[in-house]
Amino acid sequence: MIFLIFIGITTVTYSQNKELNKVSIDKLTSETQFSSDNMDYIEMFWWLPTEFWKVVFEQDATIDPAEINEIIDLVNDYAIVVVAKGKIGMFGGVKYESAEDLKMHTQVHYKNELLQIVESENLPTDLNGLFSLMKPMLSNMMGNMGENLHFFAFQNPKGKKVLPINAYEEGELFFEMDGFSAGVDLPLSSLLEEKTCPVDKKSHNGKWIYCPFHGNKLTAQ
């Protein structure tokens, strides 16, 4: 059984991409958002891939297609990560770290390359505007924590070309902040069509080749 589970989770190149209007935003978020289990700190990474914006916009009919293309072009050349860290006090209060502090301790690796963080003053004005627009929205949803989420944009390392990140292709994205780390094993399964077991017709992760219970090769939809 352990062997079957192992081969079942092997990534396959024949996965089918799911239509954007059928992608679950909740599942996509759960694959790209990470929190530590540290009892003394609140620590969080949230990677916002280009596909996240595409999915959100595709499912909102009120947004003009021309505006969507502008935003996609704006974010596509960066790895955008939302970060928060706060120390939990004796009575449950949280003292959050500033953007400047977090900037010095946050690292993002993609394809074994350390990406370079971009100072906000060196980012396009419209990208800073997008971040400013999102911060009050997150504050309304997440309260005090939302107010202390900080947006960072990372670019290609000097002399290297690894971005943009393709969430549909194999690769590893790794985040690190002090002692807290998290990784994304690409492609994102939420963006792929589920596959079907030929034995019991149940759906399974689109990244898998074989059914982890029966060992049969899964069928693409």
N, C-alpha and C. Protein backbone atom coordinates (compact mmCIF):
# COMPACT_ATOMS: atom_id res chain seq x y z
N MET A 1 0.83 -1.21 0.00
CA MET A 1 0.00 0.00 0.00
C MET A 1 0.87 1.26 0.00
N ILE A 2 1.95 1.27 0.80
CA ILE A 2 2.83 2.43 0.83
C ILE A 2 3.43 2.68 -0.55
N PHE A 3 3.80 1.58 -1.24
CA PHE A 3 4.37 1.72 -2.57
C PHE A 3 3.36 2.31 -3.54
N LEU A 4 2.11 1.87 -3.43
CA LEU A 4 1.07 2.37 -4.33
C LEU A 4 0.82 3.86 -4.09
N ILE A 5 0.82 4.25 -2.82
CA ILE A 5 0.63 5.67 -2.51
C ILE A 5 1.78 6.49 -3.09
N PHE A 6 3.00 5.93 -2.99
CA PHE A 6 4.16 6.65 -3.50
C PHE A 6 4.07 6.87 -5.00
N ILE A 7 3.76 5.81 -5.76
CA ILE A 7 3.69 5.97 -7.20
C ILE A 7 2.46 6.76 -7.60
N GLY A 8 1.46 6.78 -6.74
CA GLY A 8 0.24 7.52 -7.07
C GLY A 8 0.45 9.01 -7.09
N ILE A 9 1.38 9.49 -6.28
CA ILE A 9 1.56 10.94 -6.19
C ILE A 9 2.65 11.46 -7.13
N THR A 10 3.13 10.57 -8.00
CA THR A 10 4.14 11.01 -8.97
C THR A 10 3.52 11.94 -9.99
N THR A 11 4.20 13.02 -10.28
CA THR A 11 3.67 13.99 -11.23
C THR A 11 3.76 13.44 -12.65
N VAL A 12 2.74 13.72 -13.44
CA VAL A 12 2.71 13.24 -14.82
C VAL A 12 2.62 14.45 -15.76
N THR A 13 3.22 14.29 -16.92
CA THR A 13 3.22 15.40 -17.87
C THR A 13 1.96 15.45 -18.71
N TYR A 14 1.06 14.45 -18.56
CA TYR A 14 -0.14 14.41 -19.39
C TYR A 14 -1.36 14.95 -18.66
N SER A 15 -1.16 15.72 -17.62
CA SER A 15 -2.28 16.31 -16.90
C SER A 15 -2.93 17.38 -17.78
N GLN A 16 -4.23 17.54 -17.59
CA GLN A 16 -4.97 18.53 -18.36
C GLN A 16 -5.24 19.75 -17.49
N ASN A 17 -5.08 20.92 -18.08
CA ASN A 17 -5.34 22.15 -17.34
C ASN A 17 -6.84 22.35 -17.19
N LYS A 18 -7.23 22.78 -16.00
CA LYS A 18 -8.65 23.03 -15.72
C LYS A 18 -9.03 24.41 -16.26
N GLU A 19 -10.25 24.55 -16.74
CA GLU A 19 -10.72 25.85 -17.16
C GLU A 19 -10.72 26.79 -15.96
N LEU A 20 -10.28 28.03 -16.18
CA LEU A 20 -10.10 28.96 -15.07
C LEU A 20 -11.39 29.22 -14.29
N ASN A 21 -12.51 29.22 -14.98
CA ASN A 21 -13.78 29.49 -14.28
C ASN A 21 -14.24 28.30 -13.44
N LYS A 22 -13.53 27.18 -13.54
CA LYS A 22 -13.87 25.99 -12.75
C LYS A 22 -12.87 25.74 -11.62
N VAL A 23 -11.84 26.56 -11.55
CA VAL A 23 -10.84 26.39 -10.49
C VAL A 23 -11.39 26.91 -9.17
N SER A 24 -11.23 26.13 -8.11
CA SER A 24 -11.66 26.57 -6.78
C SER A 24 -10.63 27.54 -6.20
N ILE A 25 -11.06 28.77 -5.94
CA ILE A 25 -10.15 29.76 -5.35
C ILE A 25 -9.69 29.30 -3.97
N ASP A 26 -10.58 28.65 -3.23
CA ASP A 26 -10.21 28.15 -1.89
C ASP A 26 -9.10 27.11 -1.99
N LYS A 27 -9.22 26.17 -2.95
CA LYS A 27 -8.20 25.14 -3.10
C LYS A 27 -6.88 25.73 -3.60
N LEU A 28 -6.99 26.70 -4.50
CA LEU A 28 -5.78 27.37 -4.99
C LEU A 28 -5.08 28.10 -3.86
N THR A 29 -5.86 28.77 -3.01
CA THR A 29 -5.28 29.49 -1.87
C THR A 29 -4.63 28.52 -0.89
N SER A 30 -5.27 27.39 -0.64
CA SER A 30 -4.71 26.42 0.32
C SER A 30 -3.39 25.85 -0.16
N GLU A 31 -3.17 25.83 -1.48
CA GLU A 31 -1.91 25.33 -2.02
C GLU A 31 -0.80 26.37 -2.00
N THR A 32 -1.16 27.62 -1.86
CA THR A 32 -0.17 28.69 -1.98
C THR A 32 0.00 29.50 -0.70
N GLN A 33 -0.75 29.15 0.35
CA GLN A 33 -0.69 29.88 1.63
C GLN A 33 -0.20 28.93 2.72
N PHE A 34 0.77 29.40 3.51
CA PHE A 34 1.40 28.54 4.50
C PHE A 34 1.54 29.27 5.83
N SER A 35 1.21 28.58 6.91
CA SER A 35 1.35 29.13 8.26
C SER A 35 2.18 28.16 9.10
N SER A 36 2.97 28.69 10.01
CA SER A 36 3.79 27.83 10.87
C SER A 36 2.96 27.32 12.04
N ASP A 37 3.47 26.28 12.69
CA ASP A 37 2.82 25.75 13.89
C ASP A 37 3.53 26.21 15.15
N ASN A 38 4.30 27.29 15.03
CA ASN A 38 5.01 27.87 16.17
C ASN A 38 3.99 28.49 17.13
N MET A 39 3.99 28.06 18.38
CA MET A 39 3.02 28.54 19.36
C MET A 39 3.31 29.96 19.85
N ASP A 40 4.53 30.45 19.60
CA ASP A 40 4.92 31.78 20.08
C ASP A 40 4.79 32.87 19.02
N TYR A 41 4.65 32.45 17.76
CA TYR A 41 4.62 33.42 16.67
C TYR A 41 3.49 33.11 15.68
N ILE A 42 2.99 34.15 15.05
CA ILE A 42 2.18 34.01 13.85
C ILE A 42 3.12 34.23 12.67
N GLU A 43 3.22 33.26 11.80
CA GLU A 43 4.11 33.35 10.64
C GLU A 43 3.36 32.86 9.42
N MET A 44 3.41 33.61 8.35
CA MET A 44 2.65 33.24 7.16
C MET A 44 3.34 33.67 5.88
N PHE A 45 3.30 32.78 4.88
CA PHE A 45 3.64 33.09 3.50
C PHE A 45 2.39 32.88 2.65
N TRP A 46 2.20 33.75 1.69
CA TRP A 46 1.13 33.54 0.71
C TRP A 46 1.67 33.95 -0.65
N TRP A 47 1.93 32.95 -1.48
CA TRP A 47 2.40 33.21 -2.83
C TRP A 47 1.20 33.50 -3.73
N LEU A 48 1.29 34.58 -4.49
CA LEU A 48 0.22 34.96 -5.41
C LEU A 48 0.72 34.78 -6.84
N PRO A 49 0.59 33.57 -7.39
CA PRO A 49 1.05 33.35 -8.76
C PRO A 49 0.20 34.11 -9.77
N THR A 50 0.71 34.25 -10.95
CA THR A 50 -0.04 34.91 -12.02
C THR A 50 -1.39 34.23 -12.21
N GLU A 51 -1.41 32.91 -12.06
CA GLU A 51 -2.65 32.15 -12.25
C GLU A 51 -3.70 32.50 -11.21
N PHE A 52 -3.28 32.94 -10.03
CA PHE A 52 -4.25 33.35 -9.01
C PHE A 52 -5.06 34.53 -9.52
N TRP A 53 -4.37 35.51 -10.09
CA TRP A 53 -5.06 36.69 -10.60
C TRP A 53 -5.97 36.32 -11.76
N LYS A 54 -5.48 35.43 -12.63
CA LYS A 54 -6.29 35.00 -13.77
C LYS A 54 -7.58 34.33 -13.32
N VAL A 55 -7.48 33.47 -12.30
CA VAL A 55 -8.65 32.76 -11.80
C VAL A 55 -9.65 33.73 -11.18
N VAL A 56 -9.15 34.63 -10.34
CA VAL A 56 -10.03 35.59 -9.68
C VAL A 56 -10.75 36.46 -10.70
N PHE A 57 -10.01 36.95 -11.69
CA PHE A 57 -10.61 37.83 -12.69
C PHE A 57 -11.57 37.08 -13.60
N GLU A 58 -11.24 35.84 -13.93
CA GLU A 58 -12.10 35.04 -14.79
C GLU A 58 -13.46 34.81 -14.13
N GLN A 59 -13.47 34.76 -12.81
CA GLN A 59 -14.70 34.47 -12.09
C GLN A 59 -15.42 35.74 -11.62
N ASP A 60 -14.94 36.88 -12.08
CA ASP A 60 -15.59 38.16 -11.77
C ASP A 60 -15.96 38.86 -13.08
N ALA A 61 -17.22 38.77 -13.43
CA ALA A 61 -17.67 39.30 -14.73
C ALA A 61 -17.68 40.82 -14.78
N THR A 62 -17.46 41.49 -13.64
CA THR A 62 -17.53 42.95 -13.62
C THR A 62 -16.24 43.62 -14.07
N ILE A 63 -15.17 42.84 -14.21
CA ILE A 63 -13.87 43.42 -14.55
C ILE A 63 -13.69 43.43 -16.06
N ASP A 64 -13.26 44.57 -16.57
CA ASP A 64 -13.03 44.73 -18.00
C ASP A 64 -11.84 43.89 -18.46
N PRO A 65 -12.01 43.12 -19.57
CA PRO A 65 -10.91 42.27 -20.06
C PRO A 65 -9.62 43.04 -20.32
N ALA A 66 -9.73 44.28 -20.78
CA ALA A 66 -8.53 45.08 -21.03
C ALA A 66 -7.77 45.36 -19.73
N GLU A 67 -8.53 45.61 -18.66
CA GLU A 67 -7.90 45.84 -17.36
C GLU A 67 -7.24 44.56 -16.85
N ILE A 68 -7.88 43.43 -17.11
CA ILE A 68 -7.30 42.14 -16.69
C ILE A 68 -5.95 41.94 -17.35
N ASN A 69 -5.87 42.18 -18.65
CA ASN A 69 -4.60 42.00 -19.37
C ASN A 69 -3.52 42.92 -18.84
N GLU A 70 -3.89 44.13 -18.49
CA GLU A 70 -2.92 45.07 -17.93
C GLU A 70 -2.35 44.56 -16.62
N ILE A 71 -3.22 44.04 -15.75
CA ILE A 71 -2.78 43.56 -14.45
C ILE A 71 -1.92 42.32 -14.61
N ILE A 72 -2.33 41.40 -15.49
CA ILE A 72 -1.54 40.19 -15.72
C ILE A 72 -0.14 40.55 -16.22
N ASP A 73 -0.04 41.48 -17.15
CA ASP A 73 1.27 41.93 -17.64
C ASP A 73 2.09 42.55 -16.51
N LEU A 74 1.41 43.18 -15.58
CA LEU A 74 2.07 43.86 -14.47
C LEU A 74 2.70 42.87 -13.50
N VAL A 75 2.00 41.78 -13.19
CA VAL A 75 2.46 40.85 -12.16
C VAL A 75 3.31 39.71 -12.71
N ASN A 76 3.26 39.49 -14.01
CA ASN A 76 3.81 38.27 -14.58
C ASN A 76 5.32 38.14 -14.42
N ASP A 77 6.04 39.26 -14.39
CA ASP A 77 7.50 39.20 -14.33
C ASP A 77 8.05 39.13 -12.91
N TYR A 78 7.17 39.02 -11.93
CA TYR A 78 7.59 38.99 -10.53
C TYR A 78 7.03 37.75 -9.82
N ALA A 79 7.73 37.35 -8.78
CA ALA A 79 7.17 36.39 -7.83
C ALA A 79 6.66 37.22 -6.66
N ILE A 80 5.35 37.26 -6.50
CA ILE A 80 4.73 38.11 -5.47
C ILE A 80 4.37 37.27 -4.26
N VAL A 81 4.85 37.69 -3.12
CA VAL A 81 4.65 36.95 -1.87
C VAL A 81 4.14 37.90 -0.80
N VAL A 82 3.10 37.47 -0.10
CA VAL A 82 2.56 38.23 1.03
C VAL A 82 3.08 37.57 2.31
N VAL A 83 3.62 38.37 3.21
CA VAL A 83 4.31 37.84 4.38
C VAL A 83 3.82 38.53 5.65
N ALA A 84 3.72 37.77 6.72
CA ALA A 84 3.40 38.34 8.04
C ALA A 84 4.14 37.55 9.11
N LYS A 85 4.59 38.27 10.14
CA LYS A 85 5.18 37.62 11.30
C LYS A 85 4.90 38.47 12.54
N GLY A 86 4.42 37.83 13.58
CA GLY A 86 4.14 38.56 14.81
C GLY A 86 4.36 37.68 16.03
N LYS A 87 4.89 38.27 17.08
CA LYS A 87 5.11 37.53 18.33
C LYS A 87 3.84 37.61 19.18
N ILE A 88 3.40 36.45 19.66
CA ILE A 88 2.18 36.36 20.47
C ILE A 88 2.53 36.63 21.94
N GLY A 89 1.87 37.60 22.53
CA GLY A 89 2.14 37.96 23.92
C GLY A 89 1.47 37.02 24.91
N MET A 90 1.73 37.27 26.18
CA MET A 90 1.23 36.42 27.26
C MET A 90 -0.29 36.34 27.27
N PHE A 91 -0.97 37.44 26.91
CA PHE A 91 -2.42 37.47 26.97
C PHE A 91 -3.07 37.46 25.59
N GLY A 92 -2.31 37.00 24.60
CA GLY A 92 -2.88 36.80 23.27
C GLY A 92 -2.70 37.95 22.31
N GLY A 93 -2.17 39.07 22.76
CA GLY A 93 -1.89 40.17 21.85
C GLY A 93 -0.72 39.82 20.94
N VAL A 94 -0.70 40.41 19.76
CA VAL A 94 0.35 40.09 18.77
C VAL A 94 1.10 41.36 18.39
N LYS A 95 2.42 41.31 18.49
CA LYS A 95 3.27 42.40 18.05
C LYS A 95 3.89 42.01 16.71
N TYR A 96 3.42 42.66 15.65
CA TYR A 96 3.86 42.28 14.31
C TYR A 96 5.14 42.99 13.91
N GLU A 97 5.92 42.32 13.08
CA GLU A 97 7.15 42.90 12.58
C GLU A 97 6.84 43.82 11.40
N SER A 98 7.69 44.81 11.21
CA SER A 98 7.50 45.78 10.13
C SER A 98 7.94 45.18 8.80
N ALA A 99 7.55 45.85 7.73
CA ALA A 99 7.96 45.42 6.39
C ALA A 99 9.48 45.44 6.25
N GLU A 100 10.11 46.44 6.83
CA GLU A 100 11.57 46.55 6.73
C GLU A 100 12.26 45.38 7.41
N ASP A 101 11.76 44.97 8.58
CA ASP A 101 12.34 43.83 9.28
C ASP A 101 12.15 42.55 8.48
N LEU A 102 10.93 42.35 7.98
CA LEU A 102 10.63 41.13 7.24
C LEU A 102 11.43 41.05 5.94
N LYS A 103 11.64 42.18 5.33
CA LYS A 103 12.36 42.22 4.06
C LYS A 103 13.77 41.64 4.21
N MET A 104 14.39 41.88 5.35
CA MET A 104 15.76 41.42 5.57
C MET A 104 15.83 39.93 5.83
N HIS A 105 14.69 39.31 6.22
CA HIS A 105 14.72 37.91 6.62
C HIS A 105 13.92 36.99 5.71
N THR A 106 13.36 37.53 4.64
CA THR A 106 12.51 36.73 3.75
C THR A 106 13.27 36.38 2.48
N GLN A 107 13.30 35.09 2.16
CA GLN A 107 13.97 34.62 0.96
C GLN A 107 13.02 33.74 0.15
N VAL A 108 13.17 33.81 -1.17
CA VAL A 108 12.39 32.96 -2.07
C VAL A 108 13.35 32.31 -3.05
N HIS A 109 13.26 30.99 -3.16
CA HIS A 109 14.08 30.22 -4.10
C HIS A 109 13.17 29.57 -5.14
N TYR A 110 13.58 29.64 -6.39
CA TYR A 110 12.85 28.97 -7.46
C TYR A 110 13.86 28.30 -8.38
N LYS A 111 13.63 27.00 -8.62
CA LYS A 111 14.56 26.22 -9.44
C LYS A 111 15.98 26.35 -8.92
N ASN A 112 16.10 26.29 -7.59
CA ASN A 112 17.39 26.34 -6.89
C ASN A 112 18.12 27.67 -7.05
N GLU A 113 17.40 28.70 -7.46
CA GLU A 113 17.99 30.04 -7.55
C GLU A 113 17.35 30.96 -6.52
N LEU A 114 18.19 31.74 -5.85
CA LEU A 114 17.70 32.72 -4.88
C LEU A 114 17.22 33.96 -5.64
N LEU A 115 15.93 34.24 -5.56
CA LEU A 115 15.38 35.40 -6.24
C LEU A 115 15.75 36.68 -5.49
N GLN A 116 15.71 37.79 -6.20
CA GLN A 116 16.09 39.07 -5.61
C GLN A 116 14.85 39.89 -5.28
N ILE A 117 14.82 40.38 -4.04
CA ILE A 117 13.69 41.22 -3.64
C ILE A 117 13.85 42.60 -4.26
N VAL A 118 12.72 43.20 -4.64
CA VAL A 118 12.74 44.52 -5.28
C VAL A 118 12.21 45.54 -4.30
N GLU A 119 12.97 46.60 -4.10
CA GLU A 119 12.51 47.69 -3.23
C GLU A 119 11.26 48.31 -3.83
N SER A 120 10.32 48.70 -2.97
CA SER A 120 9.04 49.21 -3.45
C SER A 120 9.21 50.43 -4.37
N GLU A 121 10.22 51.26 -4.08
CA GLU A 121 10.42 52.45 -4.92
C GLU A 121 10.91 52.11 -6.32
N ASN A 122 11.37 50.86 -6.50
CA ASN A 122 11.84 50.44 -7.82
C ASN A 122 10.79 49.62 -8.58
N LEU A 123 9.65 49.44 -7.98
CA LEU A 123 8.56 48.71 -8.64
C LEU A 123 7.75 49.67 -9.50
N PRO A 124 7.05 49.14 -10.52
CA PRO A 124 6.14 49.99 -11.29
C PRO A 124 5.10 50.64 -10.38
N THR A 125 4.77 51.87 -10.66
CA THR A 125 3.79 52.59 -9.84
C THR A 125 2.47 51.85 -9.76
N ASP A 126 2.05 51.27 -10.87
CA ASP A 126 0.77 50.57 -10.89
C ASP A 126 0.80 49.30 -10.02
N LEU A 127 1.96 48.66 -9.93
CA LEU A 127 2.05 47.46 -9.08
C LEU A 127 1.96 47.85 -7.61
N ASN A 128 2.62 48.92 -7.22
CA ASN A 128 2.47 49.42 -5.86
C ASN A 128 1.02 49.81 -5.59
N GLY A 129 0.37 50.36 -6.62
CA GLY A 129 -1.04 50.72 -6.47
C GLY A 129 -1.92 49.51 -6.26
N LEU A 130 -1.59 48.42 -6.95
CA LEU A 130 -2.35 47.18 -6.76
C LEU A 130 -2.19 46.65 -5.34
N PHE A 131 -0.97 46.70 -4.82
CA PHE A 131 -0.73 46.25 -3.45
C PHE A 131 -1.51 47.13 -2.46
N SER A 132 -1.49 48.44 -2.71
CA SER A 132 -2.20 49.37 -1.82
C SER A 132 -3.70 49.12 -1.84
N LEU A 133 -4.21 48.71 -2.99
CA LEU A 133 -5.63 48.42 -3.12
C LEU A 133 -6.01 47.16 -2.36
N MET A 134 -5.11 46.19 -2.34
CA MET A 134 -5.43 44.91 -1.71
C MET A 134 -5.32 44.95 -0.19
N LYS A 135 -4.43 45.79 0.33
CA LYS A 135 -4.21 45.79 1.78
C LYS A 135 -5.47 46.08 2.59
N PRO A 136 -6.28 47.09 2.28
CA PRO A 136 -7.50 47.29 3.06
C PRO A 136 -8.51 46.15 2.90
N MET A 137 -8.50 45.50 1.73
CA MET A 137 -9.38 44.36 1.53
C MET A 137 -9.00 43.22 2.47
N LEU A 138 -7.69 42.97 2.59
CA LEU A 138 -7.22 41.92 3.49
C LEU A 138 -7.47 42.31 4.95
N SER A 139 -7.36 43.60 5.25
CA SER A 139 -7.63 44.06 6.61
C SER A 139 -9.08 43.81 6.99
N ASN A 140 -9.99 44.06 6.04
CA ASN A 140 -11.41 43.82 6.31
C ASN A 140 -11.69 42.34 6.52
N MET A 141 -10.97 41.49 5.80
CA MET A 141 -11.22 40.05 5.90
C MET A 141 -10.53 39.43 7.11
N MET A 142 -9.32 39.92 7.45
CA MET A 142 -8.48 39.24 8.43
C MET A 142 -8.17 40.08 9.66
N GLY A 143 -8.75 41.26 9.74
CA GLY A 143 -8.56 42.08 10.93
C GLY A 143 -7.14 42.55 11.10
N ASN A 144 -6.65 42.49 12.34
CA ASN A 144 -5.33 43.01 12.68
C ASN A 144 -4.22 42.33 11.88
N MET A 145 -4.37 41.04 11.66
CA MET A 145 -3.36 40.33 10.88
C MET A 145 -3.32 40.86 9.45
N GLY A 146 -4.51 41.10 8.88
CA GLY A 146 -4.57 41.63 7.53
C GLY A 146 -3.88 42.98 7.40
N GLU A 147 -3.96 43.78 8.45
CA GLU A 147 -3.30 45.09 8.43
C GLU A 147 -1.79 44.97 8.44
N ASN A 148 -1.29 43.82 8.88
CA ASN A 148 0.15 43.63 9.01
C ASN A 148 0.71 42.63 8.00
N LEU A 149 -0.04 42.39 6.94
CA LEU A 149 0.47 41.62 5.83
C LEU A 149 1.25 42.55 4.90
N HIS A 150 2.40 42.10 4.45
CA HIS A 150 3.25 42.94 3.61
C HIS A 150 3.50 42.25 2.26
N PHE A 151 3.37 43.02 1.20
CA PHE A 151 3.57 42.53 -0.15
C PHE A 151 5.01 42.74 -0.58
N PHE A 152 5.64 41.64 -1.03
CA PHE A 152 6.99 41.73 -1.56
C PHE A 152 7.01 41.17 -2.98
N ALA A 153 7.78 41.80 -3.84
CA ALA A 153 7.95 41.33 -5.21
C ALA A 153 9.40 40.92 -5.41
N PHE A 154 9.58 39.74 -5.99
CA PHE A 154 10.92 39.21 -6.26
C PHE A 154 11.12 39.09 -7.76
N GLN A 155 12.36 39.31 -8.19
CA GLN A 155 12.68 39.24 -9.61
C GLN A 155 13.80 38.23 -9.85
N ASN A 156 14.17 38.09 -11.12
CA ASN A 156 15.23 37.15 -11.47
C ASN A 156 16.54 37.52 -10.77
N PRO A 157 17.31 36.50 -10.36
CA PRO A 157 18.63 36.80 -9.79
C PRO A 157 19.54 37.40 -10.87
N LYS A 158 20.53 38.11 -10.44
CA LYS A 158 21.42 38.80 -11.38
C LYS A 158 22.05 37.81 -12.36
N GLY A 159 21.87 38.10 -13.63
CA GLY A 159 22.47 37.26 -14.66
C GLY A 159 21.74 35.96 -14.93
N LYS A 160 20.61 35.72 -14.25
CA LYS A 160 19.87 34.47 -14.44
C LYS A 160 18.46 34.79 -14.94
N LYS A 161 17.86 33.82 -15.60
CA LYS A 161 16.49 33.98 -16.11
C LYS A 161 15.69 32.74 -15.73
N VAL A 162 14.99 32.80 -14.60
CA VAL A 162 14.15 31.68 -14.18
C VAL A 162 12.67 32.07 -14.09
N LEU A 163 12.40 33.36 -13.95
CA LEU A 163 11.03 33.84 -13.93
C LEU A 163 10.58 34.13 -15.36
N PRO A 164 9.28 34.14 -15.66
CA PRO A 164 8.16 33.97 -14.72
C PRO A 164 7.97 32.51 -14.30
N ILE A 165 7.34 32.32 -13.16
CA ILE A 165 7.04 30.99 -12.66
C ILE A 165 5.82 30.45 -13.40
N ASN A 166 5.93 29.23 -13.87
CA ASN A 166 4.81 28.56 -14.54
C ASN A 166 4.19 27.57 -13.56
N ALA A 167 3.00 27.87 -13.08
CA ALA A 167 2.35 27.03 -12.07
C ALA A 167 1.84 25.72 -12.63
N TYR A 168 1.95 25.54 -13.95
CA TYR A 168 1.50 24.30 -14.59
C TYR A 168 2.67 23.34 -14.86
N GLU A 169 3.88 23.81 -14.65
CA GLU A 169 5.06 22.99 -14.94
C GLU A 169 5.73 22.50 -13.67
N GLU A 170 6.46 21.40 -13.79
CA GLU A 170 7.18 20.87 -12.64
C GLU A 170 8.26 21.84 -12.19
N GLY A 171 8.44 21.92 -10.91
CA GLY A 171 9.45 22.80 -10.34
C GLY A 171 9.20 22.96 -8.85
N GLU A 172 10.16 23.51 -8.16
CA GLU A 172 10.01 23.71 -6.72
C GLU A 172 10.23 25.17 -6.37
N LEU A 173 9.31 25.68 -5.58
CA LEU A 173 9.36 27.06 -5.08
C LEU A 173 9.47 26.97 -3.57
N PHE A 174 10.44 27.67 -3.01
CA PHE A 174 10.76 27.51 -1.58
C PHE A 174 10.82 28.88 -0.91
N PHE A 175 10.16 29.01 0.25
CA PHE A 175 10.14 30.26 1.01
C PHE A 175 10.82 30.05 2.36
N GLU A 176 11.49 31.09 2.83
CA GLU A 176 12.17 30.99 4.12
C GLU A 176 12.14 32.34 4.83
N MET A 177 11.84 32.28 6.13
CA MET A 177 11.82 33.49 6.95
C MET A 177 12.27 33.10 8.36
N ASP A 178 13.48 33.52 8.71
CA ASP A 178 14.09 33.09 9.96
C ASP A 178 14.06 31.55 10.01
N GLY A 179 13.40 30.98 11.01
CA GLY A 179 13.38 29.52 11.11
C GLY A 179 12.18 28.87 10.45
N PHE A 180 11.30 29.66 9.86
CA PHE A 180 10.09 29.14 9.23
C PHE A 180 10.30 28.99 7.73
N SER A 181 9.99 27.81 7.20
CA SER A 181 10.15 27.59 5.77
C SER A 181 8.97 26.79 5.23
N ALA A 182 8.73 26.93 3.95
CA ALA A 182 7.64 26.21 3.29
C ALA A 182 7.97 26.07 1.82
N GLY A 183 7.45 25.03 1.19
CA GLY A 183 7.73 24.80 -0.21
C GLY A 183 6.48 24.47 -1.00
N VAL A 184 6.49 24.82 -2.27
CA VAL A 184 5.41 24.50 -3.20
C VAL A 184 5.94 23.52 -4.22
N ASP A 185 5.29 22.38 -4.34
CA ASP A 185 5.66 21.38 -5.32
C ASP A 185 4.80 21.58 -6.56
N LEU A 186 5.37 22.19 -7.56
CA LEU A 186 4.63 22.48 -8.79
C LEU A 186 4.55 21.25 -9.69
N PRO A 187 3.50 21.15 -10.51
CA PRO A 187 2.42 22.11 -10.76
C PRO A 187 1.41 22.14 -9.61
N LEU A 188 0.57 23.17 -9.60
CA LEU A 188 -0.49 23.27 -8.59
C LEU A 188 -1.65 22.36 -9.00
N SER A 189 -2.01 21.45 -8.11
CA SER A 189 -3.06 20.48 -8.45
C SER A 189 -4.42 21.13 -8.64
N SER A 190 -4.66 22.27 -7.98
CA SER A 190 -5.95 22.95 -8.10
C SER A 190 -6.20 23.47 -9.51
N LEU A 191 -5.12 23.61 -10.30
CA LEU A 191 -5.25 24.12 -11.66
C LEU A 191 -5.43 22.99 -12.68
N LEU A 192 -5.35 21.75 -12.22
CA LEU A 192 -5.41 20.60 -13.12
C LEU A 192 -6.73 19.86 -12.99
N GLU A 193 -7.18 19.30 -14.10
CA GLU A 193 -8.38 18.46 -14.08
C GLU A 193 -8.10 17.21 -13.25
N GLU A 194 -9.08 16.82 -12.44
CA GLU A 194 -8.94 15.59 -11.69
C GLU A 194 -8.92 14.39 -12.65
N LYS A 195 -8.30 13.31 -12.21
CA LYS A 195 -8.27 12.08 -12.99
C LYS A 195 -9.15 11.02 -12.32
N THR A 196 -9.57 10.05 -13.09
CA THR A 196 -10.54 9.07 -12.60
C THR A 196 -9.92 7.69 -12.50
N CYS A 197 -10.20 7.02 -11.39
CA CYS A 197 -9.77 5.63 -11.23
C CYS A 197 -10.69 4.74 -12.07
N PRO A 198 -10.13 3.89 -12.92
CA PRO A 198 -10.97 3.03 -13.76
C PRO A 198 -11.71 1.94 -12.98
N VAL A 199 -11.30 1.72 -11.72
CA VAL A 199 -11.94 0.66 -10.92
C VAL A 199 -13.21 1.16 -10.24
N ASP A 200 -13.10 2.22 -9.45
CA ASP A 200 -14.27 2.69 -8.70
C ASP A 200 -14.80 4.04 -9.20
N LYS A 201 -14.18 4.56 -10.28
CA LYS A 201 -14.63 5.81 -10.92
C LYS A 201 -14.50 7.04 -10.01
N LYS A 202 -13.70 6.94 -8.95
CA LYS A 202 -13.51 8.09 -8.07
C LYS A 202 -12.46 9.03 -8.64
N SER A 203 -12.60 10.32 -8.33
CA SER A 203 -11.66 11.33 -8.83
C SER A 203 -10.46 11.45 -7.90
N HIS A 204 -9.31 11.72 -8.51
CA HIS A 204 -8.07 11.88 -7.74
C HIS A 204 -7.28 13.07 -8.29
N ASN A 205 -6.27 13.43 -7.53
CA ASN A 205 -5.40 14.55 -7.86
C ASN A 205 -4.91 14.45 -9.31
N GLY A 206 -5.04 15.55 -10.05
CA GLY A 206 -4.63 15.56 -11.45
C GLY A 206 -3.14 15.38 -11.65
N LYS A 207 -2.33 15.51 -10.61
CA LYS A 207 -0.88 15.33 -10.71
C LYS A 207 -0.49 13.85 -10.65
N TRP A 208 -1.41 13.03 -10.18
CA TRP A 208 -1.07 11.63 -9.97
C TRP A 208 -1.16 10.83 -11.26
N ILE A 209 -0.35 9.77 -11.34
CA ILE A 209 -0.39 8.86 -12.48
C ILE A 209 -1.27 7.66 -12.16
N TYR A 210 -1.10 7.11 -10.95
CA TYR A 210 -1.79 5.89 -10.59
C TYR A 210 -2.73 6.10 -9.40
N CYS A 211 -3.76 5.30 -9.32
CA CYS A 211 -4.66 5.32 -8.16
C CYS A 211 -3.90 4.80 -6.96
N PRO A 212 -3.88 5.54 -5.84
CA PRO A 212 -3.13 5.10 -4.67
C PRO A 212 -3.76 3.92 -3.95
N PHE A 213 -4.98 3.54 -4.33
CA PHE A 213 -5.68 2.44 -3.66
C PHE A 213 -5.71 1.17 -4.50
N HIS A 214 -5.80 1.31 -5.82
CA HIS A 214 -5.90 0.13 -6.68
C HIS A 214 -4.67 -0.10 -7.54
N GLY A 215 -3.85 0.95 -7.71
CA GLY A 215 -2.63 0.79 -8.50
C GLY A 215 -2.85 0.93 -9.99
N ASN A 216 -4.09 1.11 -10.42
CA ASN A 216 -4.36 1.26 -11.85
C ASN A 216 -4.01 2.67 -12.30
N LYS A 217 -3.65 2.78 -13.58
CA LYS A 217 -3.33 4.08 -14.13
C LYS A 217 -4.60 4.91 -14.20
N LEU A 218 -4.53 6.14 -13.69
CA LEU A 218 -5.68 7.03 -13.69
C LEU A 218 -5.97 7.53 -15.10
N THR A 219 -7.24 7.81 -15.35
CA THR A 219 -7.68 8.25 -16.66
C THR A 219 -7.94 9.76 -16.65
N ALA A 220 -7.32 10.46 -17.61
CA ALA A 220 -7.56 11.89 -17.74
C ALA A 220 -8.96 12.12 -18.30
N GLN A 221 -9.58 13.22 -17.87
CA GLN A 221 -10.93 13.53 -18.35
C GLN A 221 -10.87 14.06 -19.79
